[in-house]
Amino acid sequence: MSIVQLRSLSEIVTIAEKEERFLTKADIQAGMNWYRRARIRIEACRQLYLSILRQNLKKKALNRTLRKYPELIYKDYGFKEKLTVDISKYFRMILQCLITGSTSPVDESLENSASVFRVFQLSSSWFISALEDLKHSHGLYGDEADEVNFYIDYIVDFLENLDVLTVSQVQKIYSQEWVTIEVTKRQEGFPLAGRVLLHNKKLENILEKIEELDGDLYTFYCTSPDDFIENFIE
């Protein structure tokens, strides 16, 4: 089923009143469709909530993220707990979206996430990994799965573009460091932008971890925007 955001009942009535007309057959049909979708969403919310609890999906998503990004295991004390809390927050917001039938429960948090991630040096890739794990392991089927996946995809689509930086921006932020990015944009083969996956002052520390990563990777040393030494690691 293709998910389309339907107008709420209040929106249907407000538009009709603004146009000073009675509700049309199309308005009534839209209201019936909204109720049908609402029943599906609430059932999806119930099933997803039970799956999260019974299958311990938060822990599974966390473990998958740590396996995909093993450097997180060696972060500061308490980081794992903080990551767990943040993953749980996204899971809760998906349940809230299902109840309300809109993205409003998550929109404000997503809008603020860019500055939060920058201040606390978080990567959206970590949470994308956790959300993808939820999508593949929630165990829902049919219309209920479509509803859940719609809101997961909505969050993932936003996060995928959140920490994309141009190569020039990376040079400024990580000056005097070796950096590995996952390339998201190239021009004539040359990387223009990407997500920072690794950064360290010593190249050997980068090389120890880079073999565990997948994707279109580009590793280079940052000096200044006008003069930097680039190095490709195959």
C-alpha atoms as a PDB file:
ATOM      1  CA  MET A   1       0.000   0.000   0.000  1.00  0.00           C
ATOM      2  CA  SER A   2       1.291   3.447  -0.903  1.00  0.00           C
ATOM      3  CA  ILE A   3       1.053   5.718   2.121  1.00  0.00           C
ATOM      4  CA  VAL A   4      -0.415   9.164   1.474  1.00  0.00           C
ATOM      5  CA  GLN A   5      -0.848  11.712   4.229  1.00  0.00           C
ATOM      6  CA  LEU A   6      -4.613  12.238   4.514  1.00  0.00           C
ATOM      7  CA  ARG A   7      -6.243  15.408   5.754  1.00  0.00           C
ATOM      8  CA  SER A   8      -7.488  15.173   9.300  1.00  0.00           C
ATOM      9  CA  LEU A   9     -11.195  15.456  10.040  1.00  0.00           C
ATOM     10  CA  SER A  10     -10.745  18.963  11.411  1.00  0.00           C
ATOM     11  CA  GLU A  11      -8.940  20.027   8.229  1.00  0.00           C
ATOM     12  CA  ILE A  12     -11.764  18.673   6.072  1.00  0.00           C
ATOM     13  CA  VAL A  13     -14.376  20.599   8.081  1.00  0.00           C
ATOM     14  CA  THR A  14     -12.253  23.773   8.261  1.00  0.00           C
ATOM     15  CA  ILE A  15     -11.777  23.883   4.475  1.00  0.00           C
ATOM     16  CA  ALA A  16     -15.503  23.380   3.846  1.00  0.00           C
ATOM     17  CA  GLU A  17     -16.417  26.128   6.321  1.00  0.00           C
ATOM     18  CA  LYS A  18     -13.837  28.502   4.880  1.00  0.00           C
ATOM     19  CA  GLU A  19     -15.406  27.990   1.448  1.00  0.00           C
ATOM     20  CA  GLU A  20     -18.876  28.443   2.989  1.00  0.00           C
ATOM     21  CA  ARG A  21     -20.213  25.156   1.636  1.00  0.00           C
ATOM     22  CA  PHE A  22     -21.670  21.874   2.869  1.00  0.00           C
ATOM     23  CA  LEU A  23     -19.482  18.816   3.088  1.00  0.00           C
ATOM     24  CA  THR A  24     -19.324  17.060  -0.261  1.00  0.00           C
ATOM     25  CA  LYS A  25     -19.391  13.350  -1.022  1.00  0.00           C
ATOM     26  CA  ALA A  26     -15.610  13.614  -1.540  1.00  0.00           C
ATOM     27  CA  ASP A  27     -15.238  15.177   1.935  1.00  0.00           C
ATOM     28  CA  ILE A  28     -17.275  12.400   3.533  1.00  0.00           C
ATOM     29  CA  GLN A  29     -15.271   9.761   1.649  1.00  0.00           C
ATOM     30  CA  ALA A  30     -12.057  11.415   2.824  1.00  0.00           C
ATOM     31  CA  GLY A  31     -13.363  11.241   6.390  1.00  0.00           C
ATOM     32  CA  MET A  32     -14.166   7.540   6.011  1.00  0.00           C
ATOM     33  CA  ASN A  33     -10.686   6.923   4.609  1.00  0.00           C
ATOM     34  CA  TRP A  34      -9.184   8.766   7.565  1.00  0.00           C
ATOM     35  CA  TYR A  35     -11.068   6.558  10.033  1.00  0.00           C
ATOM     36  CA  ARG A  36     -10.018   3.415   8.179  1.00  0.00           C
ATOM     37  CA  ARG A  37      -6.380   4.512   8.239  1.00  0.00           C
ATOM     38  CA  ALA A  38      -6.693   5.505  11.893  1.00  0.00           C
ATOM     39  CA  ARG A  39      -7.752   1.955  12.831  1.00  0.00           C
ATOM     40  CA  ILE A  40      -4.785   0.562  10.912  1.00  0.00           C
ATOM     41  CA  ARG A  41      -2.361   3.020  12.534  1.00  0.00           C
ATOM     42  CA  ILE A  42      -3.560   2.282  16.057  1.00  0.00           C
ATOM     43  CA  GLU A  43      -3.265  -1.452  15.450  1.00  0.00           C
ATOM     44  CA  ALA A  44       0.207  -0.874  13.994  1.00  0.00           C
ATOM     45  CA  CYS A  45       1.137   1.141  17.072  1.00  0.00           C
ATOM     46  CA  ARG A  46      -0.075  -1.659  19.356  1.00  0.00           C
ATOM     47  CA  GLN A  47       1.815  -4.343  17.456  1.00  0.00           C
ATOM     48  CA  LEU A  48       5.013  -2.290  17.213  1.00  0.00           C
ATOM     49  CA  TYR A  49       4.927  -1.457  20.922  1.00  0.00           C
ATOM     50  CA  LEU A  50       4.601  -5.127  21.813  1.00  0.00           C
ATOM     51  CA  SER A  51       7.403  -6.077  19.405  1.00  0.00           C
ATOM     52  CA  ILE A  52       9.733  -3.464  20.911  1.00  0.00           C
ATOM     53  CA  LEU A  53       9.090  -4.847  24.397  1.00  0.00           C
ATOM     54  CA  ARG A  54       8.926  -8.593  23.736  1.00  0.00           C
ATOM     55  CA  GLN A  55      11.769  -8.791  21.229  1.00  0.00           C
ATOM     56  CA  ASN A  56      13.914  -6.183  22.971  1.00  0.00           C
ATOM     57  CA  LEU A  57      14.269  -4.342  19.653  1.00  0.00           C
ATOM     58  CA  LYS A  58      16.037  -1.382  21.244  1.00  0.00           C
ATOM     59  CA  LYS A  59      18.901  -3.588  22.398  1.00  0.00           C
ATOM     60  CA  LYS A  60      19.053  -5.362  19.028  1.00  0.00           C
ATOM     61  CA  ALA A  61      19.210  -2.030  17.200  1.00  0.00           C
ATOM     62  CA  LEU A  62      21.940  -0.798  19.545  1.00  0.00           C
ATOM     63  CA  ASN A  63      24.023  -3.950  19.059  1.00  0.00           C
ATOM     64  CA  ARG A  64      23.714  -3.731  15.284  1.00  0.00           C
ATOM     65  CA  THR A  65      24.883  -0.128  15.384  1.00  0.00           C
ATOM     66  CA  LEU A  66      27.873  -1.042  17.562  1.00  0.00           C
ATOM     67  CA  ARG A  67      28.803  -3.874  15.201  1.00  0.00           C
ATOM     68  CA  LYS A  68      28.570  -1.562  12.205  1.00  0.00           C
ATOM     69  CA  TYR A  69      30.521   1.217  13.945  1.00  0.00           C
ATOM     70  CA  PRO A  70      32.865  -0.611  16.364  1.00  0.00           C
ATOM     71  CA  GLU A  71      34.716   2.613  17.182  1.00  0.00           C
ATOM     72  CA  LEU A  72      31.686   3.575  19.300  1.00  0.00           C
ATOM     73  CA  ILE A  73      32.523   0.811  21.777  1.00  0.00           C
ATOM     74  CA  TYR A  74      35.594   2.765  22.865  1.00  0.00           C
ATOM     75  CA  LYS A  75      33.808   6.063  23.388  1.00  0.00           C
ATOM     76  CA  ASP A  76      33.719   7.792  26.765  1.00  0.00           C
ATOM     77  CA  TYR A  77      32.079   6.144  29.760  1.00  0.00           C
ATOM     78  CA  GLY A  78      28.314   6.518  29.572  1.00  0.00           C
ATOM     79  CA  PHE A  79      28.224   6.977  25.792  1.00  0.00           C
ATOM     80  CA  LYS A  80      26.546   3.603  25.220  1.00  0.00           C
ATOM     81  CA  GLU A  81      23.795   4.536  27.669  1.00  0.00           C
ATOM     82  CA  LYS A  82      23.333   7.904  25.956  1.00  0.00           C
ATOM     83  CA  LEU A  83      23.079   6.207  22.564  1.00  0.00           C
ATOM     84  CA  THR A  84      20.477   3.800  23.957  1.00  0.00           C
ATOM     85  CA  VAL A  85      18.400   6.705  25.258  1.00  0.00           C
ATOM     86  CA  ASP A  86      18.532   8.478  21.892  1.00  0.00           C
ATOM     87  CA  ILE A  87      17.554   5.338  19.963  1.00  0.00           C
ATOM     88  CA  SER A  88      14.666   4.831  22.383  1.00  0.00           C
ATOM     89  CA  LYS A  89      13.556   8.421  21.719  1.00  0.00           C
ATOM     90  CA  TYR A  90      13.231   7.776  17.985  1.00  0.00           C
ATOM     91  CA  PHE A  91      11.293   4.573  18.625  1.00  0.00           C
ATOM     92  CA  ARG A  92       8.888   6.442  20.937  1.00  0.00           C
ATOM     93  CA  MET A  93       8.339   9.192  18.383  1.00  0.00           C
ATOM     94  CA  ILE A  94       7.384   6.631  15.728  1.00  0.00           C
ATOM     95  CA  LEU A  95       4.700   5.298  18.092  1.00  0.00           C
ATOM     96  CA  GLN A  96       3.485   8.862  18.658  1.00  0.00           C
ATOM     97  CA  CYS A  97       3.301   9.490  14.906  1.00  0.00           C
ATOM     98  CA  LEU A  98       1.182   6.369  14.488  1.00  0.00           C
ATOM     99  CA  ILE A  99      -1.269   7.542  17.155  1.00  0.00           C
ATOM    100  CA  THR A 100      -1.585  11.084  15.799  1.00  0.00           C
ATOM    101  CA  GLY A 101      -1.451  10.163  12.120  1.00  0.00           C
ATOM    102  CA  SER A 102       1.062  12.901  11.418  1.00  0.00           C
ATOM    103  CA  THR A 103       4.781  13.655  11.571  1.00  0.00           C
ATOM    104  CA  SER A 104       4.324  16.512  14.052  1.00  0.00           C
ATOM    105  CA  PRO A 105       5.650  14.499  17.053  1.00  0.00           C
ATOM    106  CA  VAL A 106       9.018  14.121  15.310  1.00  0.00           C
ATOM    107  CA  ASP A 107       9.323  17.279  13.194  1.00  0.00           C
ATOM    108  CA  GLU A 108      10.549  19.655  15.901  1.00  0.00           C
ATOM    109  CA  SER A 109      13.105  17.163  17.174  1.00  0.00           C
ATOM    110  CA  LEU A 110      14.433  16.605  13.656  1.00  0.00           C
ATOM    111  CA  GLU A 111      14.712  20.333  13.011  1.00  0.00           C
ATOM    112  CA  ASN A 112      16.798  20.732  16.175  1.00  0.00           C
ATOM    113  CA  SER A 113      18.891  17.618  15.626  1.00  0.00           C
ATOM    114  CA  ALA A 114      21.477  19.295  13.377  1.00  0.00           C
ATOM    115  CA  SER A 115      22.691  21.603  16.152  1.00  0.00           C
ATOM    116  CA  VAL A 116      22.413  18.855  18.798  1.00  0.00           C
ATOM    117  CA  PHE A 117      24.456  16.419  16.728  1.00  0.00           C
ATOM    118  CA  ARG A 118      27.090  19.079  16.091  1.00  0.00           C
ATOM    119  CA  VAL A 119      27.424  20.069  19.768  1.00  0.00           C
ATOM    120  CA  PHE A 120      27.634  16.484  21.071  1.00  0.00           C
ATOM    121  CA  GLN A 121      29.590  15.167  18.058  1.00  0.00           C
ATOM    122  CA  LEU A 122      26.930  12.638  17.097  1.00  0.00           C
ATOM    123  CA  SER A 123      26.513  11.072  13.665  1.00  0.00           C
ATOM    124  CA  SER A 124      23.134  10.558  12.062  1.00  0.00           C
ATOM    125  CA  SER A 125      24.545   7.334  10.543  1.00  0.00           C
ATOM    126  CA  TRP A 126      24.328   5.669  13.961  1.00  0.00           C
ATOM    127  CA  PHE A 127      20.608   6.348  14.277  1.00  0.00           C
ATOM    128  CA  ILE A 128      19.915   5.497  10.648  1.00  0.00           C
ATOM    129  CA  SER A 129      21.455   2.087  11.345  1.00  0.00           C
ATOM    130  CA  ALA A 130      19.193   1.606  14.384  1.00  0.00           C
ATOM    131  CA  LEU A 131      16.072   2.668  12.468  1.00  0.00           C
ATOM    132  CA  GLU A 132      16.907   0.377   9.558  1.00  0.00           C
ATOM    133  CA  ASP A 133      17.277  -2.477  12.034  1.00  0.00           C
ATOM    134  CA  LEU A 134      13.827  -1.667  13.445  1.00  0.00           C
ATOM    135  CA  LYS A 135      12.348  -1.662   9.935  1.00  0.00           C
ATOM    136  CA  HIS A 136      13.740  -5.103   9.168  1.00  0.00           C
ATOM    137  CA  SER A 137      12.964  -6.718  12.520  1.00  0.00           C
ATOM    138  CA  HIS A 138       9.625  -5.304  13.749  1.00  0.00           C
ATOM    139  CA  GLY A 139       7.754  -8.321  12.374  1.00  0.00           C
ATOM    140  CA  LEU A 140       4.662  -6.452  11.146  1.00  0.00           C
ATOM    141  CA  TYR A 141       2.973  -7.253   7.834  1.00  0.00           C
ATOM    142  CA  GLY A 142       0.524  -5.726   5.387  1.00  0.00           C
ATOM    143  CA  ASP A 143      -1.030  -2.318   5.984  1.00  0.00           C
ATOM    144  CA  GLU A 144       0.318  -2.113   9.531  1.00  0.00           C
ATOM    145  CA  ALA A 145       3.878  -2.616   8.299  1.00  0.00           C
ATOM    146  CA  ASP A 146       3.353   0.041   5.613  1.00  0.00           C
ATOM    147  CA  GLU A 147       2.268   2.566   8.242  1.00  0.00           C
ATOM    148  CA  VAL A 148       5.257   1.867  10.483  1.00  0.00           C
ATOM    149  CA  ASN A 149       7.725   1.883   7.601  1.00  0.00           C
ATOM    150  CA  PHE A 150       6.337   5.199   6.330  1.00  0.00           C
ATOM    151  CA  TYR A 151       7.366   6.998   9.525  1.00  0.00           C
ATOM    152  CA  ILE A 152      10.689   5.150   9.776  1.00  0.00           C
ATOM    153  CA  ASP A 153      11.506   6.187   6.201  1.00  0.00           C
ATOM    154  CA  TYR A 154      10.420   9.756   6.935  1.00  0.00           C
ATOM    155  CA  ILE A 155      12.954  10.038   9.766  1.00  0.00           C
ATOM    156  CA  VAL A 156      15.701   8.232   7.848  1.00  0.00           C
ATOM    157  CA  ASP A 157      15.249  10.482   4.795  1.00  0.00           C
ATOM    158  CA  PHE A 158      15.736  13.533   7.000  1.00  0.00           C
ATOM    159  CA  LEU A 159      18.754  12.126   8.852  1.00  0.00           C
ATOM    160  CA  GLU A 160      20.471  10.987   5.656  1.00  0.00           C
ATOM    161  CA  ASN A 161      21.017  14.597   4.642  1.00  0.00           C
ATOM    162  CA  LEU A 162      21.651  15.949   8.123  1.00  0.00           C
ATOM    163  CA  ASP A 163      25.388  15.457   8.472  1.00  0.00           C
ATOM    164  CA  VAL A 164      26.390  15.707   4.832  1.00  0.00           C
ATOM    165  CA  LEU A 165      29.297  18.164   4.560  1.00  0.00           C
ATOM    166  CA  THR A 166      31.214  19.490   1.604  1.00  0.00           C
ATOM    167  CA  VAL A 167      34.893  18.561   1.448  1.00  0.00           C
ATOM    168  CA  SER A 168      35.748  22.209   2.159  1.00  0.00           C
ATOM    169  CA  GLN A 169      33.610  22.148   5.319  1.00  0.00           C
ATOM    170  CA  VAL A 170      35.311  18.943   6.453  1.00  0.00           C
ATOM    171  CA  GLN A 171      38.717  20.578   5.972  1.00  0.00           C
ATOM    172  CA  LYS A 172      37.740  23.487   8.202  1.00  0.00           C
ATOM    173  CA  ILE A 173      36.141  21.399  10.949  1.00  0.00           C
ATOM    174  CA  TYR A 174      38.816  18.663  11.087  1.00  0.00           C
ATOM    175  CA  SER A 175      41.917  20.719  10.385  1.00  0.00           C
ATOM    176  CA  GLN A 176      45.196  18.819  10.923  1.00  0.00           C
ATOM    177  CA  GLU A 177      43.416  15.455  11.031  1.00  0.00           C
ATOM    178  CA  TRP A 178      43.007  12.444   8.757  1.00  0.00           C
ATOM    179  CA  VAL A 179      39.371  11.986   7.779  1.00  0.00           C
ATOM    180  CA  THR A 180      37.376   9.237   6.072  1.00  0.00           C
ATOM    181  CA  ILE A 181      34.057  10.235   4.549  1.00  0.00           C
ATOM    182  CA  GLU A 182      31.303   8.263   2.873  1.00  0.00           C
ATOM    183  CA  VAL A 183      30.928  10.124  -0.411  1.00  0.00           C
ATOM    184  CA  THR A 184      27.414  11.303  -1.258  1.00  0.00           C
ATOM    185  CA  LYS A 185      28.250  13.545  -4.218  1.00  0.00           C
ATOM    186  CA  ARG A 186      30.952  13.490  -6.884  1.00  0.00           C
ATOM    187  CA  GLN A 187      31.756  15.710  -9.840  1.00  0.00           C
ATOM    188  CA  GLU A 188      33.806  14.196 -12.642  1.00  0.00           C
ATOM    189  CA  GLY A 189      34.893  11.515 -10.195  1.00  0.00           C
ATOM    190  CA  PHE A 190      36.109  13.939  -7.537  1.00  0.00           C
ATOM    191  CA  PRO A 191      34.361  13.844  -4.116  1.00  0.00           C
ATOM    192  CA  LEU A 192      32.435  17.029  -3.342  1.00  0.00           C
ATOM    193  CA  ALA A 193      30.482  16.030  -0.220  1.00  0.00           C
ATOM    194  CA  GLY A 194      29.913  13.201   2.216  1.00  0.00           C
ATOM    195  CA  ARG A 195      29.435  12.040   5.784  1.00  0.00           C
ATOM    196  CA  VAL A 196      32.375  11.894   8.161  1.00  0.00           C
ATOM    197  CA  LEU A 197      32.848   8.311   9.366  1.00  0.00           C
ATOM    198  CA  LEU A 198      36.324   8.486  10.905  1.00  0.00           C
ATOM    199  CA  HIS A 199      38.731  11.200  11.949  1.00  0.00           C
ATOM    200  CA  ASN A 200      42.037  10.990  13.779  1.00  0.00           C
ATOM    201  CA  LYS A 201      45.369  12.791  13.900  1.00  0.00           C
ATOM    202  CA  LYS A 202      47.184   9.533  13.088  1.00  0.00           C
ATOM    203  CA  LEU A 203      46.685   7.751   9.772  1.00  0.00           C
ATOM    204  CA  GLU A 204      47.415   4.334  11.294  1.00  0.00           C
ATOM    205  CA  ASN A 205      44.371   4.708  13.556  1.00  0.00           C
ATOM    206  CA  ILE A 206      42.221   5.351  10.501  1.00  0.00           C
ATOM    207  CA  LEU A 207      43.665   2.379   8.629  1.00  0.00           C
ATOM    208  CA  GLU A 208      42.927   0.048  11.553  1.00  0.00           C
ATOM    209  CA  LYS A 209      39.205   0.764  11.259  1.00  0.00           C
ATOM    210  CA  ILE A 210      38.591   1.546   7.605  1.00  0.00           C
ATOM    211  CA  GLU A 211      38.460  -2.117   6.520  1.00  0.00           C
ATOM    212  CA  GLU A 212      35.360  -2.556   8.678  1.00  0.00           C
ATOM    213  CA  LEU A 213      33.477   0.106   6.699  1.00  0.00           C
ATOM    214  CA  ASP A 214      31.513  -0.211   3.472  1.00  0.00           C
ATOM    215  CA  GLY A 215      30.459   2.252   0.809  1.00  0.00           C
ATOM    216  CA  ASP A 216      32.114   4.847  -1.403  1.00  0.00           C
ATOM    217  CA  LEU A 217      34.910   5.923   0.929  1.00  0.00           C
ATOM    218  CA  TYR A 218      37.373   8.787   0.557  1.00  0.00           C
ATOM    219  CA  THR A 219      40.233   9.380   2.993  1.00  0.00           C
ATOM    220  CA  PHE A 220      42.306  12.553   3.065  1.00  0.00           C
ATOM    221  CA  TYR A 221      44.386  14.779   5.319  1.00  0.00           C
ATOM    222  CA  CYS A 222      42.926  18.183   6.187  1.00  0.00           C
ATOM    223  CA  THR A 223      45.221  21.196   6.228  1.00  0.00           C
ATOM    224  CA  SER A 224      43.444  24.271   4.886  1.00  0.00           C
ATOM    225  CA  PRO A 225      40.705  24.772   2.307  1.00  0.00           C
ATOM    226  CA  ASP A 226      43.273  26.110  -0.172  1.00  0.00           C
ATOM    227  CA  ASP A 227      46.047  23.614   0.444  1.00  0.00           C
ATOM    228  CA  PHE A 228      45.307  20.059   1.509  1.00  0.00           C
ATOM    229  CA  ILE A 229      46.931  16.718   0.776  1.00  0.00           C
ATOM    230  CA  GLU A 230      44.457  14.215  -0.564  1.00  0.00           C
ATOM    231  CA  ASN A 231      44.940  10.489  -0.327  1.00  0.00           C
ATOM    232  CA  PHE A 232      42.686   7.784  -1.737  1.00  0.00           C
ATOM    233  CA  ILE A 233      42.419   4.584   0.266  1.00  0.00           C
ATOM    234  CA  GLU A 234      41.077   1.799  -1.929  1.00  0.00           C
END
